[in-house]
N, C-alpha and C. Protein backbone atom coordinates (compact mmCIF):
# COMPACT_ATOMS: atom_id res chain seq x y z
N MET A 1 -57.77 49.64 36.31
CA MET A 1 -58.49 48.42 36.08
C MET A 1 -59.98 48.70 36.23
N GLY A 2 -60.76 48.35 35.21
CA GLY A 2 -62.19 48.60 35.24
C GLY A 2 -62.94 47.54 36.02
N GLN A 3 -64.25 47.80 36.24
CA GLN A 3 -65.07 46.87 37.01
C GLN A 3 -65.12 45.49 36.36
N ARG A 4 -65.20 45.47 35.01
CA ARG A 4 -65.22 44.17 34.30
C ARG A 4 -63.95 43.38 34.59
N ASP A 5 -62.82 44.07 34.59
CA ASP A 5 -61.54 43.40 34.89
C ASP A 5 -61.54 42.84 36.31
N ILE A 6 -62.05 43.63 37.25
CA ILE A 6 -62.10 43.20 38.65
C ILE A 6 -63.01 41.99 38.79
N ASP A 7 -64.20 42.05 38.16
CA ASP A 7 -65.14 40.92 38.22
C ASP A 7 -64.53 39.66 37.62
N THR A 8 -63.85 39.80 36.48
CA THR A 8 -63.22 38.65 35.84
C THR A 8 -62.12 38.08 36.72
N TYR A 9 -61.28 38.96 37.26
CA TYR A 9 -60.21 38.51 38.15
C TYR A 9 -60.79 37.76 39.35
N GLU A 10 -61.83 38.34 39.97
CA GLU A 10 -62.41 37.71 41.16
C GLU A 10 -63.01 36.35 40.84
N ALA A 11 -63.67 36.21 39.69
CA ALA A 11 -64.24 34.92 39.30
C ALA A 11 -63.13 33.91 39.04
N ASN A 12 -62.09 34.35 38.35
CA ASN A 12 -60.95 33.45 38.09
C ASN A 12 -60.25 33.07 39.38
N ARG A 13 -60.14 34.00 40.29
CA ARG A 13 -59.47 33.72 41.58
C ARG A 13 -60.29 32.73 42.40
N ARG A 14 -61.61 32.87 42.40
CA ARG A 14 -62.46 31.91 43.13
C ARG A 14 -62.29 30.51 42.55
N PHE A 15 -62.30 30.42 41.21
CA PHE A 15 -62.10 29.12 40.55
C PHE A 15 -60.76 28.53 40.96
N SER A 16 -59.71 29.33 40.89
CA SER A 16 -58.38 28.88 41.25
C SER A 16 -58.32 28.43 42.70
N ASP A 17 -58.86 29.23 43.59
CA ASP A 17 -58.86 28.88 45.02
C ASP A 17 -59.62 27.58 45.26
N ASP A 18 -60.73 27.39 44.56
CA ASP A 18 -61.51 26.15 44.71
C ASP A 18 -60.72 24.93 44.24
N MET A 19 -59.82 25.11 43.28
CA MET A 19 -59.06 24.00 42.72
C MET A 19 -57.79 23.69 43.52
N MET A 20 -57.36 24.58 44.40
CA MET A 20 -56.09 24.39 45.11
C MET A 20 -56.01 23.08 45.90
N PRO A 21 -57.06 22.64 46.61
CA PRO A 21 -56.92 21.35 47.31
C PRO A 21 -56.59 20.20 46.36
N LYS A 22 -57.16 20.21 45.17
CA LYS A 22 -56.87 19.15 44.19
C LYS A 22 -55.43 19.26 43.69
N MET A 23 -54.95 20.48 43.50
CA MET A 23 -53.56 20.68 43.06
C MET A 23 -52.59 20.21 44.15
N ILE A 24 -52.90 20.51 45.40
CA ILE A 24 -52.06 20.08 46.51
C ILE A 24 -52.04 18.56 46.58
N GLU A 25 -53.17 17.93 46.36
CA GLU A 25 -53.23 16.47 46.36
C GLU A 25 -52.34 15.88 45.27
N ILE A 26 -52.33 16.49 44.08
CA ILE A 26 -51.45 16.03 43.01
C ILE A 26 -49.99 16.13 43.44
N LEU A 27 -49.64 17.24 44.07
CA LEU A 27 -48.25 17.40 44.55
C LEU A 27 -47.89 16.32 45.56
N TYR A 28 -48.75 16.10 46.54
CA TYR A 28 -48.46 15.08 47.55
C TYR A 28 -48.35 13.69 46.92
N ASP A 29 -49.29 13.36 46.03
CA ASP A 29 -49.35 12.00 45.49
C ASP A 29 -48.30 11.71 44.42
N ASN A 30 -47.86 12.73 43.69
CA ASN A 30 -47.04 12.47 42.51
C ASN A 30 -45.70 13.19 42.46
N CYS A 31 -45.55 14.25 43.20
CA CYS A 31 -44.36 15.09 43.02
C CYS A 31 -43.50 15.22 44.26
N ALA A 32 -43.85 14.54 45.32
CA ALA A 32 -43.11 14.69 46.58
C ALA A 32 -41.64 14.32 46.44
N ARG A 33 -41.32 13.41 45.51
CA ARG A 33 -39.92 12.99 45.36
C ARG A 33 -39.01 14.15 44.96
N HIS A 34 -39.60 15.21 44.44
CA HIS A 34 -38.80 16.37 44.07
C HIS A 34 -38.51 17.28 45.26
N PHE A 35 -39.16 17.00 46.38
CA PHE A 35 -39.01 17.84 47.56
C PHE A 35 -38.38 17.13 48.74
N MET A 36 -38.10 15.86 48.58
CA MET A 36 -37.48 15.11 49.66
C MET A 36 -36.73 13.93 49.06
N SER A 37 -35.83 13.38 49.82
CA SER A 37 -35.15 12.17 49.39
C SER A 37 -35.20 11.16 50.54
N VAL A 38 -35.14 9.90 50.18
CA VAL A 38 -35.18 8.83 51.16
C VAL A 38 -33.97 7.94 50.90
N GLU A 39 -33.24 7.66 51.97
CA GLU A 39 -32.07 6.80 51.86
C GLU A 39 -32.17 5.66 52.86
N LYS A 40 -31.53 4.57 52.52
CA LYS A 40 -31.47 3.42 53.42
C LYS A 40 -30.59 3.78 54.62
N ALA A 41 -31.03 3.37 55.77
CA ALA A 41 -30.27 3.64 57.00
C ALA A 41 -29.00 2.79 57.03
N SER A 42 -28.04 3.26 57.82
CA SER A 42 -26.80 2.51 57.99
C SER A 42 -27.07 1.25 58.83
N LEU A 43 -26.12 0.36 58.85
CA LEU A 43 -26.25 -0.86 59.64
C LEU A 43 -26.44 -0.51 61.13
N THR A 44 -25.68 0.46 61.60
CA THR A 44 -25.80 0.88 63.00
C THR A 44 -27.19 1.43 63.29
N GLN A 45 -27.69 2.29 62.42
CA GLN A 45 -29.03 2.85 62.62
C GLN A 45 -30.08 1.75 62.61
N ASP A 46 -29.89 0.78 61.72
CA ASP A 46 -30.85 -0.33 61.62
C ASP A 46 -30.83 -1.19 62.88
N THR A 47 -29.65 -1.57 63.31
CA THR A 47 -29.55 -2.53 64.42
C THR A 47 -29.63 -1.87 65.80
N LYS A 48 -29.30 -0.60 65.91
CA LYS A 48 -29.27 0.05 67.22
C LYS A 48 -30.39 1.07 67.44
N GLN A 49 -31.00 1.56 66.34
CA GLN A 49 -31.95 2.66 66.49
C GLN A 49 -33.32 2.36 65.87
N SER A 50 -33.54 1.11 65.47
CA SER A 50 -34.83 0.74 64.87
C SER A 50 -35.17 1.64 63.69
N THR A 51 -34.18 1.87 62.83
CA THR A 51 -34.34 2.78 61.69
C THR A 51 -33.96 2.05 60.41
N ASP A 52 -34.86 2.09 59.43
CA ASP A 52 -34.59 1.46 58.15
C ASP A 52 -34.40 2.47 57.02
N LEU A 53 -35.09 3.57 57.12
CA LEU A 53 -35.01 4.61 56.10
C LEU A 53 -34.87 5.98 56.75
N ILE A 54 -34.19 6.88 56.06
CA ILE A 54 -34.03 8.25 56.54
C ILE A 54 -34.57 9.19 55.47
N VAL A 55 -35.40 10.13 55.88
CA VAL A 55 -36.00 11.10 54.97
C VAL A 55 -35.24 12.41 55.11
N PHE A 56 -34.81 12.97 53.98
CA PHE A 56 -34.12 14.26 53.96
C PHE A 56 -35.00 15.26 53.22
N GLN A 57 -35.02 16.47 53.77
CA GLN A 57 -35.79 17.52 53.12
C GLN A 57 -34.97 18.80 53.15
N PRO A 58 -34.80 19.44 51.98
CA PRO A 58 -34.09 20.72 51.97
C PRO A 58 -34.91 21.77 52.73
N VAL A 59 -34.24 22.80 53.14
CA VAL A 59 -34.92 23.88 53.87
C VAL A 59 -36.00 24.50 52.99
N SER A 60 -35.65 24.86 51.76
CA SER A 60 -36.63 25.44 50.84
C SER A 60 -36.17 25.20 49.41
N LEU A 61 -37.06 24.75 48.58
CA LEU A 61 -36.74 24.55 47.18
C LEU A 61 -37.28 25.66 46.30
N GLY A 62 -38.07 26.53 46.86
CA GLY A 62 -38.63 27.62 46.07
C GLY A 62 -40.15 27.59 46.06
N THR A 63 -40.70 28.33 45.13
CA THR A 63 -42.14 28.51 45.07
C THR A 63 -42.75 27.74 43.91
N ILE A 64 -44.06 27.51 44.01
CA ILE A 64 -44.78 26.80 42.97
C ILE A 64 -45.91 27.68 42.46
N ALA A 65 -45.95 27.89 41.16
CA ALA A 65 -47.11 28.52 40.53
C ALA A 65 -48.06 27.39 40.18
N ALA A 66 -49.35 27.63 40.33
CA ALA A 66 -50.34 26.60 40.01
C ALA A 66 -51.44 27.22 39.16
N ARG A 67 -51.78 26.52 38.10
CA ARG A 67 -52.84 27.00 37.22
C ARG A 67 -53.67 25.82 36.79
N VAL A 68 -54.98 26.02 36.78
CA VAL A 68 -55.91 24.98 36.34
C VAL A 68 -56.77 25.56 35.22
N ARG A 69 -56.82 24.82 34.12
CA ARG A 69 -57.62 25.23 32.97
C ARG A 69 -59.01 24.63 33.08
N ARG A 70 -59.99 25.37 32.62
CA ARG A 70 -61.38 24.92 32.65
C ARG A 70 -61.63 23.86 31.57
N PRO A 71 -62.79 23.18 31.65
CA PRO A 71 -63.07 22.08 30.71
C PRO A 71 -63.09 22.49 29.23
N ASP A 72 -63.34 23.75 28.94
CA ASP A 72 -63.41 24.16 27.54
C ASP A 72 -62.04 24.34 26.90
N CYS A 73 -60.98 24.16 27.65
CA CYS A 73 -59.62 24.26 27.10
C CYS A 73 -59.27 22.93 26.44
N LYS A 74 -59.23 22.92 25.12
CA LYS A 74 -59.01 21.66 24.40
C LYS A 74 -57.54 21.37 24.14
N TYR A 75 -56.68 22.38 24.25
CA TYR A 75 -55.26 22.16 23.95
C TYR A 75 -54.50 21.77 25.21
N ARG A 76 -53.52 20.91 25.04
CA ARG A 76 -52.69 20.46 26.16
C ARG A 76 -51.28 21.01 25.95
N ASP A 77 -51.16 22.30 26.23
CA ASP A 77 -49.85 22.95 26.21
C ASP A 77 -49.82 23.96 27.34
N LEU A 78 -48.64 24.37 27.70
CA LEU A 78 -48.46 25.35 28.76
C LEU A 78 -48.61 26.73 28.14
N THR A 79 -49.57 27.49 28.64
CA THR A 79 -49.75 28.86 28.14
C THR A 79 -49.43 29.83 29.27
N ILE A 80 -48.76 30.91 28.90
CA ILE A 80 -48.35 31.91 29.89
C ILE A 80 -48.70 33.28 29.36
N ARG A 81 -49.42 34.04 30.18
CA ARG A 81 -49.83 35.39 29.78
C ARG A 81 -48.60 36.24 29.52
N ALA A 82 -48.59 36.89 28.33
CA ALA A 82 -47.44 37.69 27.93
C ALA A 82 -47.79 39.14 27.66
N GLN A 83 -49.07 39.47 27.65
CA GLN A 83 -49.48 40.86 27.41
C GLN A 83 -50.86 41.08 28.03
N THR A 84 -51.01 42.23 28.70
CA THR A 84 -52.31 42.58 29.26
C THR A 84 -52.89 43.75 28.49
N ARG A 85 -54.16 43.95 28.67
CA ARG A 85 -54.86 45.05 28.01
C ARG A 85 -54.30 46.41 28.44
N HIS A 86 -53.85 46.50 29.69
CA HIS A 86 -53.40 47.77 30.25
C HIS A 86 -51.88 47.93 30.27
N GLY A 87 -51.15 46.95 29.75
CA GLY A 87 -49.70 47.04 29.72
C GLY A 87 -49.02 46.72 31.04
N ASP A 88 -49.74 46.07 31.96
CA ASP A 88 -49.16 45.69 33.26
C ASP A 88 -48.14 44.57 33.07
N ARG A 89 -47.31 44.38 34.11
CA ARG A 89 -46.38 43.23 34.09
C ARG A 89 -47.20 41.95 34.06
N THR A 90 -46.70 40.99 33.33
CA THR A 90 -47.44 39.76 33.12
C THR A 90 -46.77 38.59 33.82
N GLU A 91 -47.44 37.45 33.72
CA GLU A 91 -46.92 36.21 34.27
C GLU A 91 -45.53 35.90 33.70
N ILE A 92 -45.37 36.07 32.40
CA ILE A 92 -44.07 35.74 31.78
C ILE A 92 -42.98 36.71 32.24
N ASP A 93 -43.33 37.97 32.46
CA ASP A 93 -42.34 38.94 32.97
C ASP A 93 -41.81 38.51 34.33
N LYS A 94 -42.73 38.09 35.19
CA LYS A 94 -42.35 37.68 36.55
C LYS A 94 -41.51 36.41 36.51
N MET A 95 -41.88 35.49 35.61
CA MET A 95 -41.11 34.25 35.49
C MET A 95 -39.73 34.50 34.89
N ARG A 96 -39.63 35.43 33.96
CA ARG A 96 -38.32 35.81 33.41
C ARG A 96 -37.42 36.35 34.51
N ASP A 97 -38.03 37.05 35.46
CA ASP A 97 -37.27 37.63 36.58
C ASP A 97 -36.79 36.56 37.58
N GLY A 98 -37.24 35.32 37.39
CA GLY A 98 -36.79 34.25 38.27
C GLY A 98 -37.81 33.78 39.28
N TRP A 99 -39.00 34.38 39.30
CA TRP A 99 -40.03 33.94 40.23
C TRP A 99 -40.61 32.62 39.75
N CYS A 100 -41.08 31.83 40.68
CA CYS A 100 -41.74 30.55 40.38
C CYS A 100 -40.71 29.50 40.01
N ARG A 101 -40.31 28.70 40.95
CA ARG A 101 -39.32 27.63 40.73
C ARG A 101 -39.95 26.44 40.00
N PHE A 102 -41.21 26.15 40.35
CA PHE A 102 -41.95 25.05 39.72
C PHE A 102 -43.31 25.55 39.26
N TYR A 103 -43.89 24.83 38.33
CA TYR A 103 -45.22 25.17 37.83
C TYR A 103 -46.04 23.89 37.76
N LEU A 104 -47.13 23.85 38.51
CA LEU A 104 -48.09 22.76 38.42
C LEU A 104 -49.26 23.27 37.60
N TYR A 105 -49.48 22.62 36.46
CA TYR A 105 -50.44 23.11 35.46
C TYR A 105 -51.40 21.98 35.16
N GLY A 106 -52.70 22.21 35.34
CA GLY A 106 -53.67 21.14 35.16
C GLY A 106 -54.85 21.53 34.29
N TRP A 107 -55.57 20.50 33.84
CA TRP A 107 -56.76 20.67 33.01
C TRP A 107 -57.89 19.87 33.64
N THR A 108 -59.10 20.44 33.64
CA THR A 108 -60.25 19.81 34.28
C THR A 108 -61.22 19.24 33.26
N ASP A 109 -62.08 18.35 33.76
CA ASP A 109 -63.21 17.86 32.97
C ASP A 109 -64.46 18.64 33.40
N VAL A 110 -65.62 18.25 32.90
CA VAL A 110 -66.85 19.01 33.16
C VAL A 110 -67.29 18.99 34.61
N VAL A 111 -66.85 18.00 35.38
CA VAL A 111 -67.18 18.00 36.81
C VAL A 111 -66.06 18.61 37.65
N LEU A 112 -65.11 19.24 36.97
CA LEU A 112 -63.99 19.96 37.57
C LEU A 112 -63.02 19.05 38.34
N ASP A 113 -62.91 17.82 37.90
CA ASP A 113 -61.81 16.97 38.36
C ASP A 113 -60.61 17.28 37.49
N ILE A 114 -59.44 17.30 38.08
CA ILE A 114 -58.22 17.53 37.29
C ILE A 114 -57.86 16.20 36.64
N ILE A 115 -57.98 16.16 35.31
CA ILE A 115 -57.79 14.91 34.59
C ILE A 115 -56.41 14.81 33.94
N ASP A 116 -55.78 15.93 33.67
CA ASP A 116 -54.44 15.96 33.08
C ASP A 116 -53.62 17.01 33.82
N TRP A 117 -52.32 16.76 33.96
CA TRP A 117 -51.47 17.75 34.63
C TRP A 117 -50.02 17.54 34.24
N ILE A 118 -49.25 18.64 34.40
CA ILE A 118 -47.80 18.59 34.23
C ILE A 118 -47.17 19.33 35.41
N PHE A 119 -46.00 18.88 35.79
CA PHE A 119 -45.22 19.53 36.85
C PHE A 119 -43.89 19.92 36.21
N VAL A 120 -43.64 21.22 36.13
CA VAL A 120 -42.55 21.76 35.32
C VAL A 120 -41.49 22.43 36.20
N ASP A 121 -40.23 22.13 35.91
CA ASP A 121 -39.11 22.81 36.57
C ASP A 121 -38.84 24.08 35.76
N MET A 122 -39.22 25.21 36.30
CA MET A 122 -39.14 26.47 35.57
C MET A 122 -37.70 26.97 35.41
N ASP A 123 -36.78 26.51 36.25
CA ASP A 123 -35.38 26.87 36.03
C ASP A 123 -34.88 26.31 34.70
N TYR A 124 -35.31 25.10 34.36
CA TYR A 124 -34.93 24.52 33.06
C TYR A 124 -35.53 25.32 31.91
N VAL A 125 -36.75 25.79 32.09
CA VAL A 125 -37.40 26.60 31.06
C VAL A 125 -36.62 27.90 30.88
N ARG A 126 -36.24 28.53 31.99
CA ARG A 126 -35.46 29.78 31.89
C ARG A 126 -34.10 29.53 31.24
N MET A 127 -33.44 28.44 31.65
CA MET A 127 -32.12 28.14 31.08
C MET A 127 -32.20 27.84 29.58
N SER A 128 -33.32 27.32 29.13
CA SER A 128 -33.48 26.98 27.71
C SER A 128 -33.65 28.22 26.84
N GLN A 129 -33.90 29.35 27.46
CA GLN A 129 -34.12 30.62 26.76
C GLN A 129 -35.50 30.72 26.12
N PHE A 130 -36.40 29.75 26.37
CA PHE A 130 -37.77 29.83 25.83
C PHE A 130 -38.42 31.17 26.13
N PHE A 131 -38.25 31.64 27.36
CA PHE A 131 -38.92 32.87 27.77
C PHE A 131 -38.33 34.11 27.12
N PHE A 132 -37.18 33.97 26.53
CA PHE A 132 -36.49 35.13 26.00
C PHE A 132 -36.50 35.17 24.48
N GLU A 133 -36.97 34.10 23.84
CA GLU A 133 -37.05 34.10 22.38
C GLU A 133 -38.37 34.71 21.93
N THR A 134 -38.39 35.20 20.70
CA THR A 134 -39.61 35.78 20.15
C THR A 134 -40.55 34.66 19.73
N ARG A 135 -41.75 34.70 20.26
CA ARG A 135 -42.78 33.74 19.92
C ARG A 135 -44.04 34.50 19.54
N PRO A 136 -44.87 33.88 18.73
CA PRO A 136 -46.14 34.54 18.40
C PRO A 136 -46.99 34.70 19.66
N LEU A 137 -47.64 35.84 19.77
CA LEU A 137 -48.58 36.06 20.86
C LEU A 137 -49.97 35.70 20.35
N ILE A 138 -50.70 34.93 21.16
CA ILE A 138 -52.03 34.46 20.80
C ILE A 138 -53.05 35.23 21.63
N SER A 139 -54.05 35.79 20.98
CA SER A 139 -55.06 36.59 21.66
C SER A 139 -56.05 35.71 22.41
N ASN A 140 -56.41 36.15 23.62
CA ASN A 140 -57.46 35.49 24.39
C ASN A 140 -58.83 36.06 24.04
N GLY A 141 -58.86 37.13 23.26
CA GLY A 141 -60.13 37.77 22.93
C GLY A 141 -60.62 38.74 23.98
N ASP A 142 -59.83 38.93 25.04
CA ASP A 142 -60.24 39.85 26.12
C ASP A 142 -59.21 40.96 26.33
N GLY A 143 -58.34 41.14 25.34
CA GLY A 143 -57.31 42.17 25.46
C GLY A 143 -55.99 41.63 25.99
N THR A 144 -55.97 40.38 26.41
CA THR A 144 -54.72 39.77 26.85
C THR A 144 -54.21 38.82 25.78
N LYS A 145 -52.91 38.55 25.83
CA LYS A 145 -52.30 37.62 24.88
C LYS A 145 -51.36 36.70 25.64
N PHE A 146 -51.11 35.53 25.06
CA PHE A 146 -50.27 34.55 25.72
C PHE A 146 -49.33 33.88 24.73
N CYS A 147 -48.29 33.25 25.28
CA CYS A 147 -47.38 32.39 24.52
C CYS A 147 -47.71 30.95 24.90
N ASN A 148 -47.49 30.04 23.97
CA ASN A 148 -47.70 28.64 24.34
C ASN A 148 -46.41 27.85 24.14
N TYR A 149 -46.27 26.82 24.97
CA TYR A 149 -45.12 25.92 24.95
C TYR A 149 -45.67 24.50 24.95
N THR A 150 -45.29 23.69 23.97
CA THR A 150 -45.86 22.35 23.84
C THR A 150 -45.24 21.38 24.83
N ILE A 151 -45.97 20.30 25.07
CA ILE A 151 -45.47 19.24 25.94
C ILE A 151 -44.14 18.71 25.39
N GLY A 152 -44.07 18.52 24.08
CA GLY A 152 -42.83 18.04 23.45
C GLY A 152 -41.66 18.96 23.70
N GLU A 153 -41.89 20.28 23.58
CA GLU A 153 -40.81 21.25 23.83
C GLU A 153 -40.34 21.17 25.29
N LEU A 154 -41.29 21.13 26.21
CA LEU A 154 -40.94 21.08 27.63
C LEU A 154 -40.19 19.80 27.96
N TYR A 155 -40.62 18.70 27.35
CA TYR A 155 -39.95 17.43 27.57
C TYR A 155 -38.51 17.45 27.06
N LYS A 156 -38.34 17.97 25.85
CA LYS A 156 -37.01 17.93 25.22
C LYS A 156 -35.97 18.74 25.97
N ILE A 157 -36.39 19.77 26.71
CA ILE A 157 -35.41 20.53 27.48
C ILE A 157 -35.24 19.99 28.90
N GLY A 158 -35.96 18.91 29.20
CA GLY A 158 -35.81 18.28 30.51
C GLY A 158 -36.56 18.95 31.64
N SER A 159 -37.56 19.76 31.32
CA SER A 159 -38.24 20.51 32.37
C SER A 159 -39.46 19.80 32.96
N LEU A 160 -39.93 18.72 32.33
CA LEU A 160 -41.09 18.01 32.88
C LEU A 160 -40.64 17.07 33.99
N LEU A 161 -41.05 17.37 35.20
CA LEU A 161 -40.71 16.54 36.35
C LEU A 161 -41.78 15.50 36.62
N GLY A 162 -43.00 15.76 36.17
CA GLY A 162 -44.10 14.82 36.38
C GLY A 162 -45.22 15.10 35.39
N ILE A 163 -45.96 14.04 35.06
CA ILE A 163 -47.10 14.16 34.15
C ILE A 163 -48.21 13.24 34.63
N GLY A 164 -49.44 13.58 34.29
CA GLY A 164 -50.56 12.72 34.65
C GLY A 164 -51.68 12.82 33.65
N GLY A 165 -52.52 11.79 33.63
CA GLY A 165 -53.67 11.75 32.73
C GLY A 165 -53.25 11.48 31.30
N ASP A 166 -53.93 12.13 30.36
CA ASP A 166 -53.65 11.91 28.93
C ASP A 166 -52.32 12.50 28.49
N ILE A 167 -51.67 13.28 29.34
CA ILE A 167 -50.35 13.81 28.99
C ILE A 167 -49.39 12.64 28.74
N VAL A 168 -49.60 11.54 29.44
CA VAL A 168 -48.78 10.34 29.23
C VAL A 168 -48.91 9.89 27.78
N SER A 169 -50.12 9.95 27.22
CA SER A 169 -50.34 9.57 25.82
C SER A 169 -49.60 10.50 24.87
N ILE A 170 -49.57 11.78 25.19
CA ILE A 170 -48.86 12.75 24.35
C ILE A 170 -47.38 12.40 24.30
N VAL A 171 -46.81 12.06 25.45
CA VAL A 171 -45.40 11.67 25.50
C VAL A 171 -45.17 10.43 24.64
N LYS A 172 -46.08 9.46 24.72
CA LYS A 172 -45.95 8.23 23.93
C LYS A 172 -46.09 8.51 22.44
N VAL A 173 -47.06 9.35 22.05
CA VAL A 173 -47.28 9.66 20.64
C VAL A 173 -46.03 10.29 20.03
N HIS A 174 -45.37 11.13 20.80
CA HIS A 174 -44.15 11.78 20.32
C HIS A 174 -42.93 10.87 20.47
N GLN A 175 -43.16 9.63 20.92
CA GLN A 175 -42.11 8.64 21.10
C GLN A 175 -40.98 9.17 22.00
N LEU A 176 -41.40 9.83 23.06
CA LEU A 176 -40.44 10.36 24.01
C LEU A 176 -40.18 9.29 25.06
N GLN A 177 -38.98 9.27 25.56
CA GLN A 177 -38.58 8.30 26.58
C GLN A 177 -39.40 8.55 27.85
N PRO A 178 -39.85 7.50 28.55
CA PRO A 178 -40.58 7.70 29.79
C PRO A 178 -39.79 8.57 30.76
N LEU A 179 -40.50 9.43 31.49
CA LEU A 179 -39.84 10.39 32.37
C LEU A 179 -38.96 9.73 33.41
N ASP A 180 -39.38 8.56 33.92
CA ASP A 180 -38.57 7.93 34.95
C ASP A 180 -37.30 7.30 34.41
N GLN A 181 -37.12 7.31 33.09
CA GLN A 181 -35.90 6.77 32.49
C GLN A 181 -34.99 7.87 31.94
N VAL A 182 -35.40 9.11 32.11
CA VAL A 182 -34.58 10.22 31.63
C VAL A 182 -33.43 10.42 32.60
N PRO A 183 -32.20 10.53 32.09
CA PRO A 183 -31.05 10.70 32.99
C PRO A 183 -31.13 12.00 33.78
């Protein structure tokens, strides 16, 4: 890896690290239902233990990959690095191997607020065979290439667990059923 690659990685990593508190806030505010369940307490719990609701949380649901796109990204699709300049393992290779249970993917405006986001169940993406089919590779212009997956594709396979911002409009334009009504 050359100095330019290291400098680019470090700049991208700083940007990503700076955005993590906002990504965590999105998870807390919008996606917590995927990590816990709440049930009504029994009559005994209500009358004898001052309990109305019970919160259940699994031990571990897996890991979350998080990516935030800069304001100059005009497309609203999930892109995953599929080729590097040096032939190293890529993001898609690792995801094919089963890493990353969920993916929180966001887009920023010029003041770096996350204005659009999707929360994706990557097991559904793997089961759909998207990662294993041949897709065109799109050049980033820096020696890396990526595959893209549209919001409509992700929706149709049932992998979108949450959406925010203008992504809601994309779902409506494609006349897709609201996420909270999907069986």
